[in-house]
């Protein structure tokens, strides 16, 4: 599984609209196929930002979600260090 930040939206502050929203015309980060309904939005906190991503409901499972979130945290840490 390869992860790119382009699949993840985020809020910089407590606003109604996200600072960045990748939309629904992206691939599911779990199966890498174009998102189609039904989809599920998953959110998590990291580095004082609220991040979110969308997956196919059929792809939803805790193990994959934890792996994705861990990979994103690692990407964000590398981005801050570089």
PDB file of N, CA and C in Angstrom:
ATOM      1  N   UNK A   1       0.850  -1.177   0.000  1.00  0.00           N
ATOM      2  CA  UNK A   1       0.000   0.000   0.000  1.00  0.00           C
ATOM      3  C   UNK A   1       0.895   1.240   0.000  1.00  0.00           C
ATOM      4  N   UNK A   2       0.697   2.106  -0.979  1.00  0.00           N
ATOM      5  CA  UNK A   2       1.456   3.352  -1.066  1.00  0.00           C
ATOM      6  C   UNK A   2       0.512   4.511  -0.748  1.00  0.00           C
ATOM      7  N   UNK A   3       0.968   5.415   0.070  1.00  0.00           N
ATOM      8  CA  UNK A   3       0.121   6.521   0.522  1.00  0.00           C
ATOM      9  C   UNK A   3       0.650   7.851   0.004  1.00  0.00           C
ATOM     10  N   UNK A   4      -0.274   8.692  -0.407  1.00  0.00           N
ATOM     11  CA  UNK A   4       0.067  10.045  -0.845  1.00  0.00           C
ATOM     12  C   UNK A   4      -0.805  11.033  -0.079  1.00  0.00           C
ATOM     13  N   UNK A   5      -0.246  12.174   0.261  1.00  0.00           N
ATOM     14  CA  UNK A   5      -1.008  13.189   0.983  1.00  0.00           C
ATOM     15  C   UNK A   5      -2.166  13.744   0.154  1.00  0.00           C
ATOM     16  N   UNK A   6      -2.177  13.500  -1.154  1.00  0.00           N
ATOM     17  CA  UNK A   6      -3.247  14.042  -2.000  1.00  0.00           C
ATOM     18  C   UNK A   6      -4.616  13.436  -1.688  1.00  0.00           C
ATOM     19  N   UNK A   7      -4.648  12.298  -1.004  1.00  0.00           N
ATOM     20  CA  UNK A   7      -5.904  11.652  -0.639  1.00  0.00           C
ATOM     21  C   UNK A   7      -6.496  12.183   0.656  1.00  0.00           C
ATOM     22  N   UNK A   8      -5.763  13.032   1.362  1.00  0.00           N
ATOM     23  CA  UNK A   8      -6.143  13.448   2.703  1.00  0.00           C
ATOM     24  C   UNK A   8      -6.481  14.919   2.781  1.00  0.00           C
ATOM     25  N   UNK A   9      -7.630  15.216   3.352  1.00  0.00           N
ATOM     26  CA  UNK A   9      -8.025  16.584   3.595  1.00  0.00           C
ATOM     27  C   UNK A   9      -7.687  16.940   5.030  1.00  0.00           C
ATOM     28  N   UNK A  10      -7.736  18.228   5.339  1.00  0.00           N
ATOM     29  CA  UNK A  10      -7.468  18.623   6.722  1.00  0.00           C
ATOM     30  C   UNK A  10      -8.080  19.978   7.054  1.00  0.00           C
ATOM     31  N   UNK A  11      -8.255  20.181   8.329  1.00  0.00           N
ATOM     32  CA  UNK A  11      -8.715  21.448   8.885  1.00  0.00           C
ATOM     33  C   UNK A  11      -7.555  22.028   9.684  1.00  0.00           C
ATOM     34  N   UNK A  12      -7.228  23.300   9.455  1.00  0.00           N
ATOM     35  CA  UNK A  12      -6.200  23.986  10.246  1.00  0.00           C
ATOM     36  C   UNK A  12      -6.754  24.500  11.564  1.00  0.00           C
ATOM     37  N   UNK A  13      -8.044  24.750  11.596  1.00  0.00           N
ATOM     38  CA  UNK A  13      -8.665  25.281  12.804  1.00  0.00           C
ATOM     39  C   UNK A  13     -10.104  24.784  12.869  1.00  0.00           C
ATOM     40  N   UNK A  14     -10.806  25.229  13.862  1.00  0.00           N
ATOM     41  CA  UNK A  14     -12.200  24.806  14.039  1.00  0.00           C
ATOM     42  C   UNK A  14     -13.118  25.597  13.111  1.00  0.00           C
ATOM     43  N   UNK A  15     -13.042  25.263  11.837  1.00  0.00           N
ATOM     44  CA  UNK A  15     -13.870  25.928  10.847  1.00  0.00           C
ATOM     45  C   UNK A  15     -14.833  24.925  10.231  1.00  0.00           C
ATOM     46  N   UNK A  16     -15.811  25.439   9.540  1.00  0.00           N
ATOM     47  CA  UNK A  16     -16.782  24.567   8.890  1.00  0.00           C
ATOM     48  C   UNK A  16     -16.192  23.948   7.628  1.00  0.00           C
ATOM     49  N   UNK A  17     -15.445  24.752   6.877  1.00  0.00           N
ATOM     50  CA  UNK A  17     -14.853  24.270   5.625  1.00  0.00           C
ATOM     51  C   UNK A  17     -13.409  23.827   5.870  1.00  0.00           C
ATOM     52  N   UNK A  18     -13.015  22.695   5.278  1.00  0.00           N
ATOM     53  CA  UNK A  18     -11.623  22.261   5.428  1.00  0.00           C
ATOM     54  C   UNK A  18     -10.653  23.179   4.681  1.00  0.00           C
ATOM     55  N   UNK A  19      -9.431  23.241   5.162  1.00  0.00           N
ATOM     56  CA  UNK A  19      -8.375  23.987   4.486  1.00  0.00           C
ATOM     57  C   UNK A  19      -8.079  23.330   3.143  1.00  0.00           C
ATOM     58  N   UNK A  20      -8.088  22.000   3.134  1.00  0.00           N
ATOM     59  CA  UNK A  20      -7.910  21.235   1.897  1.00  0.00           C
ATOM     60  C   UNK A  20      -8.866  20.051   1.914  1.00  0.00           C
ATOM     61  N   UNK A  21      -9.601  19.870   0.824  1.00  0.00           N
ATOM     62  CA  UNK A  21     -10.511  18.730   0.666  1.00  0.00           C
ATOM     63  C   UNK A  21     -10.195  18.082  -0.677  1.00  0.00           C
ATOM     64  N   UNK A  22      -9.741  16.823  -0.678  1.00  0.00           N
ATOM     65  CA  UNK A  22      -9.397  16.168  -1.940  1.00  0.00           C
ATOM     66  C   UNK A  22     -10.615  15.827  -2.796  1.00  0.00           C
ATOM     67  N   UNK A  23     -11.802  15.971  -2.239  1.00  0.00           N
ATOM     68  CA  UNK A  23     -13.018  15.648  -2.981  1.00  0.00           C
ATOM     69  C   UNK A  23     -13.247  14.150  -3.055  1.00  0.00           C
ATOM     70  N   UNK A  24     -14.140  13.763  -3.933  1.00  0.00           N
ATOM     71  CA  UNK A  24     -14.456  12.337  -4.087  1.00  0.00           C
ATOM     72  C   UNK A  24     -13.967  11.775  -5.414  1.00  0.00           C
ATOM     73  N   UNK A  25     -13.287  12.587  -6.199  1.00  0.00           N
ATOM     74  CA  UNK A  25     -12.746  12.131  -7.481  1.00  0.00           C
ATOM     75  C   UNK A  25     -11.291  11.699  -7.345  1.00  0.00           C
ATOM     76  N   UNK A  26     -11.006  10.977  -6.280  1.00  0.00           N
ATOM     77  CA  UNK A  26      -9.675  10.428  -6.022  1.00  0.00           C
ATOM     78  C   UNK A  26      -9.826   8.931  -5.793  1.00  0.00           C
ATOM     79  N   UNK A  27      -8.711   8.251  -5.674  1.00  0.00           N
ATOM     80  CA  UNK A  27      -8.751   6.817  -5.418  1.00  0.00           C
ATOM     81  C   UNK A  27      -8.888   6.531  -3.936  1.00  0.00           C
ATOM     82  N   UNK A  28      -9.427   5.385  -3.628  1.00  0.00           N
ATOM     83  CA  UNK A  28      -9.494   4.889  -2.260  1.00  0.00           C
ATOM     84  C   UNK A  28      -8.066   4.522  -1.857  1.00  0.00           C
ATOM     85  N   UNK A  29      -7.561   5.029  -0.722  1.00  0.00           N
ATOM     86  CA  UNK A  29      -6.189   4.710  -0.334  1.00  0.00           C
ATOM     87  C   UNK A  29      -5.975   3.249   0.069  1.00  0.00           C
ATOM     88  N   UNK A  30      -7.051   2.497   0.250  1.00  0.00           N
ATOM     89  CA  UNK A  30      -6.895   1.081   0.625  1.00  0.00           C
ATOM     90  C   UNK A  30      -6.779   0.194  -0.619  1.00  0.00           C
ATOM     91  N   UNK A  31      -7.723   0.318  -1.560  1.00  0.00           N
ATOM     92  CA  UNK A  31      -7.703  -0.556  -2.747  1.00  0.00           C
ATOM     93  C   UNK A  31      -7.132   0.133  -3.987  1.00  0.00           C
ATOM     94  N   UNK A  32      -6.914   1.451  -3.907  1.00  0.00           N
ATOM     95  CA  UNK A  32      -6.366   2.259  -4.991  1.00  0.00           C
ATOM     96  C   UNK A  32      -7.271   2.304  -6.228  1.00  0.00           C
ATOM     97  N   UNK A  33      -8.579   2.085  -6.042  1.00  0.00           N
ATOM     98  CA  UNK A  33      -9.541   2.228  -7.140  1.00  0.00           C
ATOM     99  C   UNK A  33     -10.343   3.501  -6.912  1.00  0.00           C
ATOM    100  N   UNK A  34     -10.826   4.094  -7.991  1.00  0.00           N
ATOM    101  CA  UNK A  34     -11.591   5.348  -7.924  1.00  0.00           C
ATOM    102  C   UNK A  34     -12.751   5.200  -6.942  1.00  0.00           C
ATOM    103  N   UNK A  35     -12.928   6.213  -6.098  1.00  0.00           N
ATOM    104  CA  UNK A  35     -14.024   6.181  -5.132  1.00  0.00           C
ATOM    105  C   UNK A  35     -15.368   6.165  -5.842  1.00  0.00           C
ATOM    106  N   UNK A  36     -16.245   5.314  -5.357  1.00  0.00           N
ATOM    107  CA  UNK A  36     -17.629   5.245  -5.814  1.00  0.00           C
ATOM    108  C   UNK A  36     -18.485   5.009  -4.587  1.00  0.00           C
ATOM    109  N   UNK A  37     -19.698   5.495  -4.611  1.00  0.00           N
ATOM    110  CA  UNK A  37     -20.599   5.307  -3.477  1.00  0.00           C
ATOM    111  C   UNK A  37     -20.935   3.846  -3.313  1.00  0.00           C
ATOM    112  N   UNK A  38     -21.120   3.371  -2.111  1.00  0.00           N
ATOM    113  CA  UNK A  38     -21.092   4.096  -0.848  1.00  0.00           C
ATOM    114  C   UNK A  38     -19.657   4.284  -0.348  1.00  0.00           C
ATOM    115  N   UNK A  39     -19.412   5.469   0.220  1.00  0.00           N
ATOM    116  CA  UNK A  39     -18.096   5.777   0.764  1.00  0.00           C
ATOM    117  C   UNK A  39     -18.216   6.108   2.244  1.00  0.00           C
ATOM    118  N   UNK A  40     -17.090   6.061   2.919  1.00  0.00           N
ATOM    119  CA  UNK A  40     -17.030   6.373   4.344  1.00  0.00           C
ATOM    120  C   UNK A  40     -15.904   7.380   4.552  1.00  0.00           C
ATOM    121  N   UNK A  41     -16.155   8.394   5.369  1.00  0.00           N
ATOM    122  CA  UNK A  41     -15.130   9.381   5.695  1.00  0.00           C
ATOM    123  C   UNK A  41     -14.578   9.064   7.077  1.00  0.00           C
ATOM    124  N   UNK A  42     -13.266   9.008   7.171  1.00  0.00           N
ATOM    125  CA  UNK A  42     -12.593   8.693   8.434  1.00  0.00           C
ATOM    126  C   UNK A  42     -11.728   9.885   8.808  1.00  0.00           C
ATOM    127  N   UNK A  43     -11.768  10.270  10.082  1.00  0.00           N
ATOM    128  CA  UNK A  43     -10.967  11.421  10.511  1.00  0.00           C
ATOM    129  C   UNK A  43     -10.095  11.043  11.702  1.00  0.00           C
ATOM    130  N   UNK A  44      -8.986  11.791  11.849  1.00  0.00           N
ATOM    131  CA  UNK A  44      -8.080  11.583  12.975  1.00  0.00           C
ATOM    132  C   UNK A  44      -7.280  12.860  13.206  1.00  0.00           C
ATOM    133  N   UNK A  45      -6.739  13.000  14.399  1.00  0.00           N
ATOM    134  CA  UNK A  45      -5.953  14.176  14.767  1.00  0.00           C
ATOM    135  C   UNK A  45      -4.470  13.872  14.706  1.00  0.00           C
ATOM    136  N   UNK A  46      -3.700  14.845  14.208  1.00  0.00           N
ATOM    137  CA  UNK A  46      -2.250  14.733  14.165  1.00  0.00           C
ATOM    138  C   UNK A  46      -1.652  16.125  14.046  1.00  0.00           C
ATOM    139  N   UNK A  47      -0.704  16.435  14.895  1.00  0.00           N
ATOM    140  CA  UNK A  47       0.002  17.719  14.819  1.00  0.00           C
ATOM    141  C   UNK A  47      -0.954  18.905  14.829  1.00  0.00           C
ATOM    142  N   UNK A  48      -1.929  18.897  15.723  1.00  0.00           N
ATOM    143  CA  UNK A  48      -2.896  19.989  15.906  1.00  0.00           C
ATOM    144  C   UNK A  48      -3.787  20.237  14.686  1.00  0.00           C
ATOM    145  N   UNK A  49      -3.862  19.291  13.774  1.00  0.00           N
ATOM    146  CA  UNK A  49      -4.764  19.390  12.635  1.00  0.00           C
ATOM    147  C   UNK A  49      -5.696  18.188  12.651  1.00  0.00           C
ATOM    148  N   UNK A  50      -6.864  18.387  12.142  1.00  0.00           N
ATOM    149  CA  UNK A  50      -7.814  17.295  11.980  1.00  0.00           C
ATOM    150  C   UNK A  50      -7.743  16.842  10.523  1.00  0.00           C
ATOM    151  N   UNK A  51      -7.321  15.613  10.298  1.00  0.00           N
ATOM    152  CA  UNK A  51      -7.196  15.052   8.949  1.00  0.00           C
ATOM    153  C   UNK A  51      -8.377  14.141   8.661  1.00  0.00           C
ATOM    154  N   UNK A  52      -8.707  13.991   7.397  1.00  0.00           N
ATOM    155  CA  UNK A  52      -9.761  13.062   7.009  1.00  0.00           C
ATOM    156  C   UNK A  52      -9.456  12.472   5.641  1.00  0.00           C
ATOM    157  N   UNK A  53     -10.028  11.311   5.401  1.00  0.00           N
ATOM    158  CA  UNK A  53      -9.909  10.669   4.093  1.00  0.00           C
ATOM    159  C   UNK A  53     -11.149   9.843   3.854  1.00  0.00           C
ATOM    160  N   UNK A  54     -11.355   9.481   2.607  1.00  0.00           N
ATOM    161  CA  UNK A  54     -12.546   8.720   2.234  1.00  0.00           C
ATOM    162  C   UNK A  54     -12.132   7.376   1.637  1.00  0.00           C
ATOM    163  N   UNK A  55     -12.915   6.369   1.975  1.00  0.00           N
ATOM    164  CA  UNK A  55     -12.678   5.017   1.457  1.00  0.00           C
ATOM    165  C   UNK A  55     -14.013   4.415   1.028  1.00  0.00           C
ATOM    166  N   UNK A  56     -13.941   3.336   0.252  1.00  0.00           N
ATOM    167  CA  UNK A  56     -15.153   2.570  -0.041  1.00  0.00           C
ATOM    168  C   UNK A  56     -15.615   1.917   1.258  1.00  0.00           C
ATOM    169  N   UNK A  57     -16.899   1.874   1.491  1.00  0.00           N
ATOM    170  CA  UNK A  57     -17.405   1.218   2.709  1.00  0.00           C
ATOM    171  C   UNK A  57     -16.968  -0.244   2.758  1.00  0.00           C
ATOM    172  N   UNK A  58     -16.892  -0.892   1.602  1.00  0.00           N
ATOM    173  CA  UNK A  58     -16.496  -2.304   1.575  1.00  0.00           C
ATOM    174  C   UNK A  58     -15.016  -2.493   1.934  1.00  0.00           C
ATOM    175  N   UNK A  59     -14.214  -1.434   1.834  1.00  0.00           N
ATOM    176  CA  UNK A  59     -12.788  -1.511   2.173  1.00  0.00           C
ATOM    177  C   UNK A  59     -12.523  -1.225   3.653  1.00  0.00           C
ATOM    178  N   UNK A  60     -13.544  -0.766   4.356  1.00  0.00           N
ATOM    179  CA  UNK A  60     -13.359  -0.347   5.750  1.00  0.00           C
ATOM    180  C   UNK A  60     -13.016  -1.527   6.654  1.00  0.00           C
ATOM    181  N   UNK A  61     -11.880  -1.394   7.341  1.00  0.00           N
ATOM    182  CA  UNK A  61     -11.527  -2.329   8.401  1.00  0.00           C
ATOM    183  C   UNK A  61     -10.482  -1.650   9.282  1.00  0.00           C
ATOM    184  N   UNK A  62     -10.525  -1.931  10.542  1.00  0.00           N
ATOM    185  CA  UNK A  62      -9.702  -1.230  11.521  1.00  0.00           C
ATOM    186  C   UNK A  62      -8.208  -1.381  11.239  1.00  0.00           C
ATOM    187  N   UNK A  63      -7.780  -2.553  10.839  1.00  0.00           N
ATOM    188  CA  UNK A  63      -6.354  -2.794  10.583  1.00  0.00           C
ATOM    189  C   UNK A  63      -5.829  -1.883   9.456  1.00  0.00           C
ATOM    190  N   UNK A  64      -6.561  -1.811   8.351  1.00  0.00           N
ATOM    191  CA  UNK A  64      -6.140  -0.954   7.227  1.00  0.00           C
ATOM    192  C   UNK A  64      -6.164   0.516   7.619  1.00  0.00           C
ATOM    193  N   UNK A  65      -7.191   0.925   8.352  1.00  0.00           N
ATOM    194  CA  UNK A  65      -7.303   2.320   8.769  1.00  0.00           C
ATOM    195  C   UNK A  65      -6.142   2.714   9.685  1.00  0.00           C
ATOM    196  N   UNK A  66      -5.787   1.836  10.610  1.00  0.00           N
ATOM    197  CA  UNK A  66      -4.660   2.124  11.508  1.00  0.00           C
ATOM    198  C   UNK A  66      -3.346   2.190  10.734  1.00  0.00           C
ATOM    199  N   UNK A  67      -3.183   1.319   9.753  1.00  0.00           N
ATOM    200  CA  UNK A  67      -1.973   1.315   8.936  1.00  0.00           C
ATOM    201  C   UNK A  67      -1.865   2.615   8.133  1.00  0.00           C
ATOM    202  N   UNK A  68      -2.977   3.052   7.547  1.00  0.00           N
ATOM    203  CA  UNK A  68      -2.992   4.299   6.771  1.00  0.00           C
ATOM    204  C   UNK A  68      -2.656   5.483   7.667  1.00  0.00           C
ATOM    205  N   UNK A  69      -3.292   5.550   8.823  1.00  0.00           N
ATOM    206  CA  UNK A  69      -3.048   6.671   9.725  1.00  0.00           C
ATOM    207  C   UNK A  69      -1.599   6.695  10.202  1.00  0.00           C
ATOM    208  N   UNK A  70      -1.023   5.540  10.453  1.00  0.00           N
ATOM    209  CA  UNK A  70       0.380   5.458  10.857  1.00  0.00           C
ATOM    210  C   UNK A  70       1.297   5.944   9.737  1.00  0.00           C
ATOM    211  N   UNK A  71       0.988   5.557   8.496  1.00  0.00           N
ATOM    212  CA  UNK A  71       1.797   5.975   7.354  1.00  0.00           C
ATOM    213  C   UNK A  71       1.695   7.487   7.146  1.00  0.00           C
ATOM    214  N   UNK A  72       0.511   8.049   7.344  1.00  0.00           N
ATOM    215  CA  UNK A  72       0.332   9.495   7.195  1.00  0.00           C
ATOM    216  C   UNK A  72       1.116  10.235   8.265  1.00  0.00           C
ATOM    217  N   UNK A  73       1.059   9.762   9.498  1.00  0.00           N
ATOM    218  CA  UNK A  73       1.832  10.395  10.578  1.00  0.00           C
ATOM    219  C   UNK A  73       3.315  10.364  10.225  1.00  0.00           C
ATOM    220  N   UNK A  74       3.796   9.230   9.726  1.00  0.00           N
ATOM    221  CA  UNK A  74       5.201   9.125   9.315  1.00  0.00           C
ATOM    222  C   UNK A  74       5.524  10.119   8.194  1.00  0.00           C
ATOM    223  N   UNK A  75       4.635  10.238   7.198  1.00  0.00           N
ATOM    224  CA  UNK A  75       4.847  11.196   6.105  1.00  0.00           C
ATOM    225  C   UNK A  75       4.907  12.625   6.625  1.00  0.00           C
ATOM    226  N   UNK A  76       4.021  12.947   7.546  1.00  0.00           N
ATOM    227  CA  UNK A  76       3.982  14.308   8.097  1.00  0.00           C
ATOM    228  C   UNK A  76       5.241  14.605   8.911  1.00  0.00           C
ATOM    229  N   UNK A  77       5.735  13.627   9.644  1.00  0.00           N
ATOM    230  CA  UNK A  77       6.954  13.817  10.432  1.00  0.00           C
ATOM    231  C   UNK A  77       8.135  14.050   9.494  1.00  0.00           C
ATOM    232  N   UNK A  78       8.260  13.264   8.439  1.00  0.00           N
ATOM    233  CA  UNK A  78       9.342  13.424   7.467  1.00  0.00           C
ATOM    234  C   UNK A  78       9.228  14.794   6.797  1.00  0.00           C
ATOM    235  N   UNK A  79       8.022  15.227   6.473  1.00  0.00           N
ATOM    236  CA  UNK A  79       7.799  16.528   5.824  1.00  0.00           C
ATOM    237  C   UNK A  79       8.253  17.664   6.751  1.00  0.00           C
ATOM    238  N   UNK A  80       7.993  17.548   8.042  1.00  0.00           N
ATOM    239  CA  UNK A  80       8.396  18.578   9.010  1.00  0.00           C
ATOM    240  C   UNK A  80       9.906  18.594   9.169  1.00  0.00           C
ATOM    241  N   UNK A  81      10.531  17.424   9.192  1.00  0.00           N
ATOM    242  CA  UNK A  81      11.977  17.324   9.398  1.00  0.00           C
ATOM    243  C   UNK A  81      12.739  17.842   8.177  1.00  0.00           C
ATOM    244  N   UNK A  82      12.234  17.586   6.967  1.00  0.00           N
ATOM    245  CA  UNK A  82      12.960  17.971   5.745  1.00  0.00           C
ATOM    246  C   UNK A  82      12.992  19.437   5.500  1.00  0.00           C
TER     247      UNK A  82
END
